[in-house]
Amino acid sequence: GTRGRAPYDAVMTHGFTVDENGEKMSKSKGNTLEPDTVIRESG
């Protein structure tokens, strides 16, 4: 509406991160995995 074209040349979408069984991560389920933990243990 203001410039006559999209403000991007391309868009990219991604899904969400889930556990190994495909279930949503939840602290109550105990299936979360913190990035900091991975970085600390493996880099």
PDB file of all heavy atoms in Angstrom:
ATOM      1  N   GLY A   1       0.796  -1.219   0.000  1.00  0.00           N
ATOM      2  CA  GLY A   1       0.000   0.000   0.000  1.00  0.00           C
ATOM      3  C   GLY A   1       0.823   1.260   0.000  1.00  0.00           C
ATOM      4  O   GLY A   1       0.401   2.291  -0.544  1.00  0.00           O
ATOM      5  N   THR A   2       2.026   1.224   0.584  1.00  0.00           N
ATOM      6  CA  THR A   2       2.848   2.437   0.685  1.00  0.00           C
ATOM      7  C   THR A   2       4.024   2.468  -0.270  1.00  0.00           C
ATOM      8  O   THR A   2       4.517   3.535  -0.617  1.00  0.00           O
ATOM      9  CB  THR A   2       3.391   2.589   2.121  1.00  0.00           C
ATOM     10  OG1 THR A   2       4.169   1.427   2.459  1.00  0.00           O
ATOM     11  CG2 THR A   2       2.242   2.739   3.117  1.00  0.00           C
ATOM     12  N   ARG A   3       4.482   1.293  -0.710  1.00  0.00           N
ATOM     13  CA  ARG A   3       5.658   1.241  -1.593  1.00  0.00           C
ATOM     14  C   ARG A   3       5.397   0.511  -2.902  1.00  0.00           C
ATOM     15  O   ARG A   3       6.254   0.481  -3.773  1.00  0.00           O
ATOM     16  CB  ARG A   3       6.833   0.565  -0.899  1.00  0.00           C
ATOM     17  CG  ARG A   3       7.602   1.566   0.011  1.00  0.00           C
ATOM     18  CD  ARG A   3       7.527   1.329   1.331  1.00  0.00           C
ATOM     19  NE  ARG A   3       8.358   2.069   2.228  1.00  0.00           N
ATOM     20  CZ  ARG A   3       7.839   2.732   3.244  1.00  0.00           C
ATOM     21  NH1 ARG A   3       6.532   2.816   3.405  1.00  0.00           N
ATOM     22  NH2 ARG A   3       8.626   3.331   4.115  1.00  0.00           N
ATOM     23  N   GLY A   4       4.278  -0.132  -3.017  1.00  0.00           N
ATOM     24  CA  GLY A   4       3.934  -0.781  -4.279  1.00  0.00           C
ATOM     25  C   GLY A   4       4.488  -2.168  -4.467  1.00  0.00           C
ATOM     26  O   GLY A   4       4.340  -2.756  -5.536  1.00  0.00           O
ATOM     27  N   ARG A   5       5.128  -2.724  -3.440  1.00  0.00           N
ATOM     28  CA  ARG A   5       5.658  -4.086  -3.536  1.00  0.00           C
ATOM     29  C   ARG A   5       5.911  -4.625  -2.129  1.00  0.00           C
ATOM     30  O   ARG A   5       5.877  -3.876  -1.140  1.00  0.00           O
ATOM     31  CB  ARG A   5       6.940  -4.150  -4.354  1.00  0.00           C
ATOM     32  CG  ARG A   5       8.127  -3.371  -3.813  1.00  0.00           C
ATOM     33  CD  ARG A   5       9.451  -4.027  -4.202  1.00  0.00           C
ATOM     34  NE  ARG A   5       9.631  -5.303  -3.501  1.00  0.00           N
ATOM     35  CZ  ARG A   5      10.553  -6.196  -3.828  1.00  0.00           C
ATOM     36  NH1 ARG A   5      11.363  -5.953  -4.855  1.00  0.00           N
ATOM     37  NH2 ARG A   5      10.680  -7.325  -3.135  1.00  0.00           N
ATOM     38  N   ALA A   6       6.190  -5.950  -2.060  1.00  0.00           N
ATOM     39  CA  ALA A   6       6.483  -6.584  -0.769  1.00  0.00           C
ATOM     40  C   ALA A   6       7.816  -6.067  -0.229  1.00  0.00           C
ATOM     41  O   ALA A   6       8.712  -5.702  -0.999  1.00  0.00           O
ATOM     42  CB  ALA A   6       6.541  -8.098  -0.941  1.00  0.00           C
ATOM     43  N   PRO A   7       7.967  -6.040   1.102  1.00  0.00           N
ATOM     44  CA  PRO A   7       9.232  -5.575   1.680  1.00  0.00           C
ATOM     45  C   PRO A   7      10.297  -6.656   1.721  1.00  0.00           C
ATOM     46  O   PRO A   7      11.337  -6.479   2.351  1.00  0.00           O
ATOM     47  CB  PRO A   7       8.821  -5.165   3.098  1.00  0.00           C
ATOM     48  CG  PRO A   7       7.729  -6.126   3.437  1.00  0.00           C
ATOM     49  CD  PRO A   7       6.979  -6.359   2.147  1.00  0.00           C
ATOM     50  N   TYR A   8      10.020  -7.796   1.076  1.00  0.00           N
ATOM     51  CA  TYR A   8      10.963  -8.914   1.066  1.00  0.00           C
ATOM     52  C   TYR A   8      10.974  -9.551  -0.309  1.00  0.00           C
ATOM     53  O   TYR A   8      10.011  -9.450  -1.074  1.00  0.00           O
ATOM     54  CB  TYR A   8      10.579  -9.962   2.112  1.00  0.00           C
ATOM     55  CG  TYR A   8       9.093 -10.249   2.198  1.00  0.00           C
ATOM     56  CD1 TYR A   8       8.417 -10.924   1.184  1.00  0.00           C
ATOM     57  CD2 TYR A   8       8.354  -9.825   3.303  1.00  0.00           C
ATOM     58  CE1 TYR A   8       7.052 -11.168   1.265  1.00  0.00           C
ATOM     59  CE2 TYR A   8       6.988 -10.070   3.390  1.00  0.00           C
ATOM     60  CZ  TYR A   8       6.348 -10.738   2.368  1.00  0.00           C
ATOM     61  OH  TYR A   8       5.005 -10.970   2.442  1.00  0.00           O
ATOM     62  N   ASP A   9      12.089 -10.192  -0.627  1.00  0.00           N
ATOM     63  CA  ASP A   9      12.180 -10.953  -1.877  1.00  0.00           C
ATOM     64  C   ASP A   9      11.682 -12.374  -1.699  1.00  0.00           C
ATOM     65  O   ASP A   9      11.269 -13.030  -2.653  1.00  0.00           O
ATOM     66  CB  ASP A   9      13.626 -10.971  -2.390  1.00  0.00           C
ATOM     67  CG  ASP A   9      14.060  -9.618  -2.943  1.00  0.00           C
ATOM     68  OD1 ASP A   9      13.188  -8.845  -3.374  1.00  0.00           O
ATOM     69  OD2 ASP A   9      15.275  -9.337  -2.937  1.00  0.00           O
ATOM     70  N   ALA A  10      11.760 -12.890  -0.473  1.00  0.00           N
ATOM     71  CA  ALA A  10      11.323 -14.258  -0.209  1.00  0.00           C
ATOM     72  C   ALA A  10      10.905 -14.370   1.242  1.00  0.00           C
ATOM     73  O   ALA A  10      11.336 -13.578   2.099  1.00  0.00           O
ATOM     74  CB  ALA A  10      12.445 -15.250  -0.504  1.00  0.00           C
ATOM     75  N   VAL A  11      10.035 -15.338   1.523  1.00  0.00           N
ATOM     76  CA  VAL A  11       9.667 -15.649   2.902  1.00  0.00           C
ATOM     77  C   VAL A  11       9.984 -17.115   3.151  1.00  0.00           C
ATOM     78  O   VAL A  11       9.971 -17.934   2.238  1.00  0.00           O
ATOM     79  CB  VAL A  11       8.178 -15.385   3.188  1.00  0.00           C
ATOM     80  CG1 VAL A  11       7.861 -13.910   3.048  1.00  0.00           C
ATOM     81  CG2 VAL A  11       7.285 -16.222   2.279  1.00  0.00           C
ATOM     82  N   MET A  12      10.293 -17.430   4.406  1.00  0.00           N
ATOM     83  CA  MET A  12      10.577 -18.815   4.770  1.00  0.00           C
ATOM     84  C   MET A  12       9.919 -19.096   6.113  1.00  0.00           C
ATOM     85  O   MET A  12      10.065 -18.315   7.060  1.00  0.00           O
ATOM     86  CB  MET A  12      12.081 -19.063   4.855  1.00  0.00           C
ATOM     87  CG  MET A  12      12.450 -20.512   5.108  1.00  0.00           C
ATOM     88  SD  MET A  12      14.207 -20.844   4.846  1.00  0.00           S
ATOM     89  CE  MET A  12      14.922 -20.113   6.300  1.00  0.00           C
ATOM     90  N   THR A  13       9.179 -20.171   6.175  1.00  0.00           N
ATOM     91  CA  THR A  13       8.529 -20.538   7.425  1.00  0.00           C
ATOM     92  C   THR A  13       9.124 -21.826   7.974  1.00  0.00           C
ATOM     93  O   THR A  13       9.633 -22.649   7.230  1.00  0.00           O
ATOM     94  CB  THR A  13       7.015 -20.744   7.217  1.00  0.00           C
ATOM     95  OG1 THR A  13       6.823 -21.783   6.253  1.00  0.00           O
ATOM     96  CG2 THR A  13       6.357 -19.487   6.716  1.00  0.00           C
ATOM     97  N   HIS A  14       9.059 -21.968   9.268  1.00  0.00           N
ATOM     98  CA  HIS A  14       9.573 -23.177   9.906  1.00  0.00           C
ATOM     99  C   HIS A  14       8.571 -23.681  10.928  1.00  0.00           C
ATOM    100  O   HIS A  14       7.717 -22.930  11.420  1.00  0.00           O
ATOM    101  CB  HIS A  14      10.919 -22.906  10.579  1.00  0.00           C
ATOM    102  CG  HIS A  14      10.851 -21.847  11.646  1.00  0.00           C
ATOM    103  ND1 HIS A  14      10.421 -22.109  12.933  1.00  0.00           N
ATOM    104  CD2 HIS A  14      11.152 -20.522  11.604  1.00  0.00           C
ATOM    105  CE1 HIS A  14      10.469 -20.991  13.641  1.00  0.00           C
ATOM    106  NE2 HIS A  14      10.903 -20.015  12.865  1.00  0.00           N
ATOM    107  N   GLY A  15       8.660 -24.955  11.237  1.00  0.00           N
ATOM    108  CA  GLY A  15       7.787 -25.541  12.233  1.00  0.00           C
ATOM    109  C   GLY A  15       8.278 -25.242  13.633  1.00  0.00           C
ATOM    110  O   GLY A  15       9.176 -24.419  13.848  1.00  0.00           O
ATOM    111  N   PHE A  16       7.706 -25.950  14.588  1.00  0.00           N
ATOM    112  CA  PHE A  16       8.057 -25.734  15.981  1.00  0.00           C
ATOM    113  C   PHE A  16       8.872 -26.920  16.498  1.00  0.00           C
ATOM    114  O   PHE A  16       8.778 -28.027  15.983  1.00  0.00           O
ATOM    115  CB  PHE A  16       6.793 -25.539  16.818  1.00  0.00           C
ATOM    116  CG  PHE A  16       6.055 -24.282  16.441  1.00  0.00           C
ATOM    117  CD1 PHE A  16       5.058 -24.309  15.467  1.00  0.00           C
ATOM    118  CD2 PHE A  16       6.382 -23.071  17.024  1.00  0.00           C
ATOM    119  CE1 PHE A  16       4.402 -23.157  15.090  1.00  0.00           C
ATOM    120  CE2 PHE A  16       5.720 -21.909  16.650  1.00  0.00           C
ATOM    121  CZ  PHE A  16       4.729 -21.949  15.685  1.00  0.00           C
ATOM    122  N   THR A  17       9.659 -26.660  17.530  1.00  0.00           N
ATOM    123  CA  THR A  17      10.523 -27.698  18.073  1.00  0.00           C
ATOM    124  C   THR A  17       9.755 -28.554  19.069  1.00  0.00           C
ATOM    125  O   THR A  17       9.144 -28.031  20.008  1.00  0.00           O
ATOM    126  CB  THR A  17      11.754 -27.064  18.749  1.00  0.00           C
ATOM    127  OG1 THR A  17      12.433 -26.242  17.792  1.00  0.00           O
ATOM    128  CG2 THR A  17      12.710 -28.137  19.228  1.00  0.00           C
ATOM    129  N   VAL A  18       9.790 -29.859  18.841  1.00  0.00           N
ATOM    130  CA  VAL A  18       9.084 -30.809  19.710  1.00  0.00           C
ATOM    131  C   VAL A  18      10.073 -31.864  20.188  1.00  0.00           C
ATOM    132  O   VAL A  18      11.223 -31.904  19.745  1.00  0.00           O
ATOM    133  CB  VAL A  18       7.905 -31.470  18.951  1.00  0.00           C
ATOM    134  CG1 VAL A  18       6.847 -30.436  18.590  1.00  0.00           C
ATOM    135  CG2 VAL A  18       8.402 -32.184  17.686  1.00  0.00           C
ATOM    136  N   ASP A  19       9.625 -32.732  21.078  1.00  0.00           N
ATOM    137  CA  ASP A  19      10.537 -33.756  21.589  1.00  0.00           C
ATOM    138  C   ASP A  19      10.681 -34.899  20.591  1.00  0.00           C
ATOM    139  O   ASP A  19      10.107 -34.875  19.498  1.00  0.00           O
ATOM    140  CB  ASP A  19      10.094 -34.253  22.970  1.00  0.00           C
ATOM    141  CG  ASP A  19       8.838 -35.127  22.916  1.00  0.00           C
ATOM    142  OD1 ASP A  19       8.359 -35.455  21.809  1.00  0.00           O
ATOM    143  OD2 ASP A  19       8.329 -35.468  23.993  1.00  0.00           O
ATOM    144  N   GLU A  20      11.445 -35.913  20.961  1.00  0.00           N
ATOM    145  CA  GLU A  20      11.742 -37.006  20.027  1.00  0.00           C
ATOM    146  C   GLU A  20      10.508 -37.801  19.618  1.00  0.00           C
ATOM    147  O   GLU A  20      10.505 -38.450  18.572  1.00  0.00           O
ATOM    148  CB  GLU A  20      12.782 -37.948  20.649  1.00  0.00           C
ATOM    149  CG  GLU A  20      14.168 -37.318  20.693  1.00  0.00           C
ATOM    150  CD  GLU A  20      15.220 -38.263  21.238  1.00  0.00           C
ATOM    151  OE1 GLU A  20      14.996 -38.875  22.298  1.00  0.00           O
ATOM    152  OE2 GLU A  20      16.292 -38.382  20.594  1.00  0.00           O
ATOM    153  N   ASN A  21       9.452 -37.727  20.425  1.00  0.00           N
ATOM    154  CA  ASN A  21       8.217 -38.440  20.100  1.00  0.00           C
ATOM    155  C   ASN A  21       7.222 -37.570  19.348  1.00  0.00           C
ATOM    156  O   ASN A  21       6.089 -37.994  19.086  1.00  0.00           O
ATOM    157  CB  ASN A  21       7.569 -38.967  21.390  1.00  0.00           C
ATOM    158  CG  ASN A  21       8.454 -39.960  22.110  1.00  0.00           C
ATOM    159  OD1 ASN A  21       9.053 -40.828  21.475  1.00  0.00           O
ATOM    160  ND2 ASN A  21       8.556 -39.834  23.431  1.00  0.00           N
ATOM    161  N   GLY A  22       7.638 -36.341  19.028  1.00  0.00           N
ATOM    162  CA  GLY A  22       6.757 -35.435  18.301  1.00  0.00           C
ATOM    163  C   GLY A  22       5.781 -34.693  19.185  1.00  0.00           C
ATOM    164  O   GLY A  22       4.850 -34.049  18.691  1.00  0.00           O
ATOM    165  N   GLU A  23       5.978 -34.765  20.528  1.00  0.00           N
ATOM    166  CA  GLU A  23       5.083 -34.090  21.456  1.00  0.00           C
ATOM    167  C   GLU A  23       5.616 -32.709  21.826  1.00  0.00           C
ATOM    168  O   GLU A  23       6.821 -32.492  21.907  1.00  0.00           O
ATOM    169  CB  GLU A  23       4.909 -34.938  22.723  1.00  0.00           C
ATOM    170  CG  GLU A  23       4.233 -36.274  22.474  1.00  0.00           C
ATOM    171  CD  GLU A  23       4.025 -37.048  23.758  1.00  0.00           C
ATOM    172  OE1 GLU A  23       4.261 -36.472  24.844  1.00  0.00           O
ATOM    173  OE2 GLU A  23       3.618 -38.221  23.683  1.00  0.00           O
ATOM    174  N   LYS A  24       4.676 -31.791  22.058  1.00  0.00           N
ATOM    175  CA  LYS A  24       5.045 -30.431  22.451  1.00  0.00           C
ATOM    176  C   LYS A  24       5.825 -30.477  23.757  1.00  0.00           C
ATOM    177  O   LYS A  24       5.485 -31.217  24.685  1.00  0.00           O
ATOM    178  CB  LYS A  24       3.773 -29.592  22.626  1.00  0.00           C
ATOM    179  CG  LYS A  24       4.050 -28.142  22.989  1.00  0.00           C
ATOM    180  CD  LYS A  24       2.747 -27.365  23.118  1.00  0.00           C
ATOM    181  CE  LYS A  24       3.018 -25.922  23.519  1.00  0.00           C
ATOM    182  NZ  LYS A  24       1.749 -25.156  23.674  1.00  0.00           N
ATOM    183  N   MET A  25       6.893 -29.664  23.827  1.00  0.00           N
ATOM    184  CA  MET A  25       7.701 -29.653  25.045  1.00  0.00           C
ATOM    185  C   MET A  25       6.955 -28.951  26.171  1.00  0.00           C
ATOM    186  O   MET A  25       6.334 -27.913  25.972  1.00  0.00           O
ATOM    187  CB  MET A  25       9.045 -28.971  24.787  1.00  0.00           C
ATOM    188  CG  MET A  25       9.966 -29.789  23.908  1.00  0.00           C
ATOM    189  SD  MET A  25      11.627 -29.092  23.866  1.00  0.00           S
ATOM    190  CE  MET A  25      12.438 -30.252  22.765  1.00  0.00           C
ATOM    191  N   SER A  26       7.043 -29.545  27.349  1.00  0.00           N
ATOM    192  CA  SER A  26       6.358 -28.993  28.513  1.00  0.00           C
ATOM    193  C   SER A  26       7.148 -29.352  29.767  1.00  0.00           C
ATOM    194  O   SER A  26       7.574 -30.491  29.932  1.00  0.00           O
ATOM    195  CB  SER A  26       4.938 -29.559  28.602  1.00  0.00           C
ATOM    196  OG  SER A  26       4.362 -29.269  29.856  1.00  0.00           O
ATOM    197  N   LYS A  27       7.333 -28.378  30.650  1.00  0.00           N
ATOM    198  CA  LYS A  27       8.055 -28.651  31.891  1.00  0.00           C
ATOM    199  C   LYS A  27       7.316 -29.667  32.747  1.00  0.00           C
ATOM    200  O   LYS A  27       7.939 -30.483  33.440  1.00  0.00           O
ATOM    201  CB  LYS A  27       8.268 -27.349  32.659  1.00  0.00           C
ATOM    202  CG  LYS A  27       9.306 -26.430  32.024  1.00  0.00           C
ATOM    203  CD  LYS A  27       9.588 -25.222  32.890  1.00  0.00           C
ATOM    204  CE  LYS A  27      10.675 -24.354  32.260  1.00  0.00           C
ATOM    205  NZ  LYS A  27      10.958 -23.145  33.075  1.00  0.00           N
ATOM    206  N   SER A  28       5.969 -29.631  32.676  1.00  0.00           N
ATOM    207  CA  SER A  28       5.195 -30.575  33.478  1.00  0.00           C
ATOM    208  C   SER A  28       5.397 -32.006  32.997  1.00  0.00           C
ATOM    209  O   SER A  28       5.339 -32.952  33.777  1.00  0.00           O
ATOM    210  CB  SER A  28       3.708 -30.217  33.427  1.00  0.00           C
ATOM    211  OG  SER A  28       3.222 -30.294  32.089  1.00  0.00           O
ATOM    212  N   LYS A  29       5.650 -32.170  31.678  1.00  0.00           N
ATOM    213  CA  LYS A  29       5.925 -33.504  31.128  1.00  0.00           C
ATOM    214  C   LYS A  29       7.374 -33.922  31.355  1.00  0.00           C
ATOM    215  O   LYS A  29       7.718 -35.101  31.254  1.00  0.00           O
ATOM    216  CB  LYS A  29       5.637 -33.533  29.623  1.00  0.00           C
ATOM    217  CG  LYS A  29       4.171 -33.467  29.253  1.00  0.00           C
ATOM    218  CD  LYS A  29       4.027 -33.569  27.744  1.00  0.00           C
ATOM    219  CE  LYS A  29       2.575 -33.513  27.309  1.00  0.00           C
ATOM    220  NZ  LYS A  29       2.449 -33.598  25.833  1.00  0.00           N
ATOM    221  N   GLY A  30       8.222 -32.936  31.599  1.00  0.00           N
ATOM    222  CA  GLY A  30       9.640 -33.230  31.781  1.00  0.00           C
ATOM    223  C   GLY A  30      10.357 -33.570  30.488  1.00  0.00           C
ATOM    224  O   GLY A  30      11.387 -34.244  30.506  1.00  0.00           O
ATOM    225  N   ASN A  31       9.818 -33.106  29.362  1.00  0.00           N
ATOM    226  CA  ASN A  31      10.429 -33.437  28.067  1.00  0.00           C
ATOM    227  C   ASN A  31      11.088 -32.237  27.403  1.00  0.00           C
ATOM    228  O   ASN A  31      11.281 -32.218  26.194  1.00  0.00           O
ATOM    229  CB  ASN A  31       9.377 -34.033  27.126  1.00  0.00           C
ATOM    230  CG  ASN A  31       8.277 -33.036  26.772  1.00  0.00           C
ATOM    231  OD1 ASN A  31       8.121 -32.011  27.437  1.00  0.00           O
ATOM    232  ND2 ASN A  31       7.509 -33.325  25.737  1.00  0.00           N
ATOM    233  N   THR A  32      11.425 -31.222  28.188  1.00  0.00           N
ATOM    234  CA  THR A  32      12.077 -30.046  27.620  1.00  0.00           C
ATOM    235  C   THR A  32      13.570 -30.294  27.460  1.00  0.00           C
ATOM    236  O   THR A  32      14.165 -31.127  28.149  1.00  0.00           O
ATOM    237  CB  THR A  32      11.864 -28.812  28.514  1.00  0.00           C
ATOM    238  OG1 THR A  32      12.388 -29.086  29.820  1.00  0.00           O
ATOM    239  CG2 THR A  32      10.376 -28.483  28.632  1.00  0.00           C
ATOM    240  N   LEU A  33      14.171 -29.561  26.545  1.00  0.00           N
ATOM    241  CA  LEU A  33      15.623 -29.617  26.328  1.00  0.00           C
ATOM    242  C   LEU A  33      16.106 -28.197  26.104  1.00  0.00           C
ATOM    243  O   LEU A  33      15.769 -27.566  25.101  1.00  0.00           O
ATOM    244  CB  LEU A  33      15.953 -30.493  25.117  1.00  0.00           C
ATOM    245  CG  LEU A  33      17.436 -30.748  24.859  1.00  0.00           C
ATOM    246  CD1 LEU A  33      18.035 -31.576  25.995  1.00  0.00           C
ATOM    247  CD2 LEU A  33      17.629 -31.477  23.531  1.00  0.00           C
ATOM    248  N   GLU A  34      16.863 -27.697  27.044  1.00  0.00           N
ATOM    249  CA  GLU A  34      17.324 -26.313  26.972  1.00  0.00           C
ATOM    250  C   GLU A  34      18.542 -26.199  26.061  1.00  0.00           C
ATOM    251  O   GLU A  34      19.484 -26.997  26.178  1.00  0.00           O
ATOM    252  CB  GLU A  34      17.689 -25.798  28.363  1.00  0.00           C
ATOM    253  CG  GLU A  34      16.520 -25.701  29.324  1.00  0.00           C
ATOM    254  CD  GLU A  34      15.491 -24.685  28.867  1.00  0.00           C
ATOM    255  OE1 GLU A  34      15.876 -23.694  28.213  1.00  0.00           O
ATOM    256  OE2 GLU A  34      14.291 -24.903  29.149  1.00  0.00           O
ATOM    257  N   PRO A  35      18.540 -25.211  25.164  1.00  0.00           N
ATOM    258  CA  PRO A  35      19.717 -25.004  24.300  1.00  0.00           C
ATOM    259  C   PRO A  35      21.011 -24.835  25.093  1.00  0.00           C
ATOM    260  O   PRO A  35      22.067 -25.334  24.692  1.00  0.00           O
ATOM    261  CB  PRO A  35      19.359 -23.734  23.525  1.00  0.00           C
ATOM    262  CG  PRO A  35      17.863 -23.706  23.511  1.00  0.00           C
ATOM    263  CD  PRO A  35      17.445 -24.295  24.821  1.00  0.00           C
ATOM    264  N   ASP A  36      20.921 -24.132  26.236  1.00  0.00           N
ATOM    265  CA  ASP A  36      22.122 -23.915  27.047  1.00  0.00           C
ATOM    266  C   ASP A  36      22.723 -25.241  27.516  1.00  0.00           C
ATOM    267  O   ASP A  36      23.938 -25.386  27.615  1.00  0.00           O
ATOM    268  CB  ASP A  36      21.799 -23.045  28.262  1.00  0.00           C
ATOM    269  CG  ASP A  36      21.635 -21.582  27.893  1.00  0.00           C
ATOM    270  OD1 ASP A  36      21.948 -21.244  26.733  1.00  0.00           O
ATOM    271  OD2 ASP A  36      21.194 -20.794  28.742  1.00  0.00           O
ATOM    272  N   THR A  37      21.837 -26.199  27.789  1.00  0.00           N
ATOM    273  CA  THR A  37      22.320 -27.511  28.237  1.00  0.00           C
ATOM    274  C   THR A  37      23.072 -28.219  27.116  1.00  0.00           C
ATOM    275  O   THR A  37      24.143 -28.803  27.332  1.00  0.00           O
ATOM    276  CB  THR A  37      21.135 -28.382  28.705  1.00  0.00           C
ATOM    277  OG1 THR A  37      20.435 -27.710  29.742  1.00  0.00           O
ATOM    278  CG2 THR A  37      21.626 -29.730  29.201  1.00  0.00           C
ATOM    279  N   VAL A  38      22.510 -28.162  25.906  1.00  0.00           N
ATOM    280  CA  VAL A  38      23.165 -28.779  24.752  1.00  0.00           C
ATOM    281  C   VAL A  38      24.518 -28.121  24.503  1.00  0.00           C
ATOM    282  O   VAL A  38      25.535 -28.793  24.271  1.00  0.00           O
ATOM    283  CB  VAL A  38      22.280 -28.672  23.498  1.00  0.00           C
ATOM    284  CG1 VAL A  38      22.996 -29.271  22.286  1.00  0.00           C
ATOM    285  CG2 VAL A  38      20.943 -29.366  23.721  1.00  0.00           C
ATOM    286  N   ILE A  39      24.544 -26.802  24.559  1.00  0.00           N
ATOM    287  CA  ILE A  39      25.782 -26.057  24.300  1.00  0.00           C
ATOM    288  C   ILE A  39      26.826 -26.391  25.360  1.00  0.00           C
ATOM    289  O   ILE A  39      28.007 -26.591  25.046  1.00  0.00           O
ATOM    290  CB  ILE A  39      25.494 -24.545  24.263  1.00  0.00           C
ATOM    291  CG1 ILE A  39      24.631 -24.209  23.039  1.00  0.00           C
ATOM    292  CG2 ILE A  39      26.796 -23.741  24.250  1.00  0.00           C
ATOM    293  CD1 ILE A  39      24.116 -22.791  23.031  1.00  0.00           C
ATOM    294  N   ARG A  40      26.378 -26.471  26.603  1.00  0.00           N
ATOM    295  CA  ARG A  40      27.324 -26.766  27.693  1.00  0.00           C
ATOM    296  C   ARG A  40      27.885 -28.177  27.577  1.00  0.00           C
ATOM    297  O   ARG A  40      29.063 -28.416  27.820  1.00  0.00           O
ATOM    298  CB  ARG A  40      26.609 -26.582  29.034  1.00  0.00           C
ATOM    299  CG  ARG A  40      27.521 -26.663  30.247  1.00  0.00           C
ATOM    300  CD  ARG A  40      26.830 -26.155  31.513  1.00  0.00           C
ATOM    301  NE  ARG A  40      25.578 -26.843  31.775  1.00  0.00           N
ATOM    302  CZ  ARG A  40      24.373 -26.294  31.622  1.00  0.00           C
ATOM    303  NH1 ARG A  40      24.270 -25.033  31.191  1.00  0.00           N
ATOM    304  NH2 ARG A  40      23.279 -26.976  31.890  1.00  0.00           N
ATOM    305  N   GLU A  41      27.057 -29.129  27.143  1.00  0.00           N
ATOM    306  CA  GLU A  41      27.490 -30.527  27.088  1.00  0.00           C
ATOM    307  C   GLU A  41      28.202 -30.882  25.787  1.00  0.00           C
ATOM    308  O   GLU A  41      29.142 -31.683  25.793  1.00  0.00           O
ATOM    309  CB  GLU A  41      26.275 -31.443  27.260  1.00  0.00           C
ATOM    310  CG  GLU A  41      25.652 -31.377  28.650  1.00  0.00           C
ATOM    311  CD  GLU A  41      24.411 -32.262  28.767  1.00  0.00           C
ATOM    312  OE1 GLU A  41      23.990 -32.807  27.712  1.00  0.00           O
ATOM    313  OE2 GLU A  41      23.890 -32.400  29.882  1.00  0.00           O
ATOM    314  N   SER A  42      27.744 -30.288  24.678  1.00  0.00           N
ATOM    315  CA  SER A  42      28.274 -30.709  23.368  1.00  0.00           C
ATOM    316  C   SER A  42      28.866 -29.584  22.540  1.00  0.00           C
ATOM    317  O   SER A  42      29.567 -29.854  21.566  1.00  0.00           O
ATOM    318  CB  SER A  42      27.157 -31.390  22.563  1.00  0.00           C
ATOM    319  OG  SER A  42      26.582 -32.453  23.273  1.00  0.00           O
ATOM    320  N   GLY A  43      28.555 -28.344  22.890  1.00  0.00           N
ATOM    321  CA  GLY A  43      29.045 -27.225  22.091  1.00  0.00           C
ATOM    322  C   GLY A  43      27.962 -26.688  21.166  1.00  0.00           C
ATOM    323  O   GLY A  43      27.064 -27.416  20.729  1.00  0.00           O
TER     324      GLY A  43
END
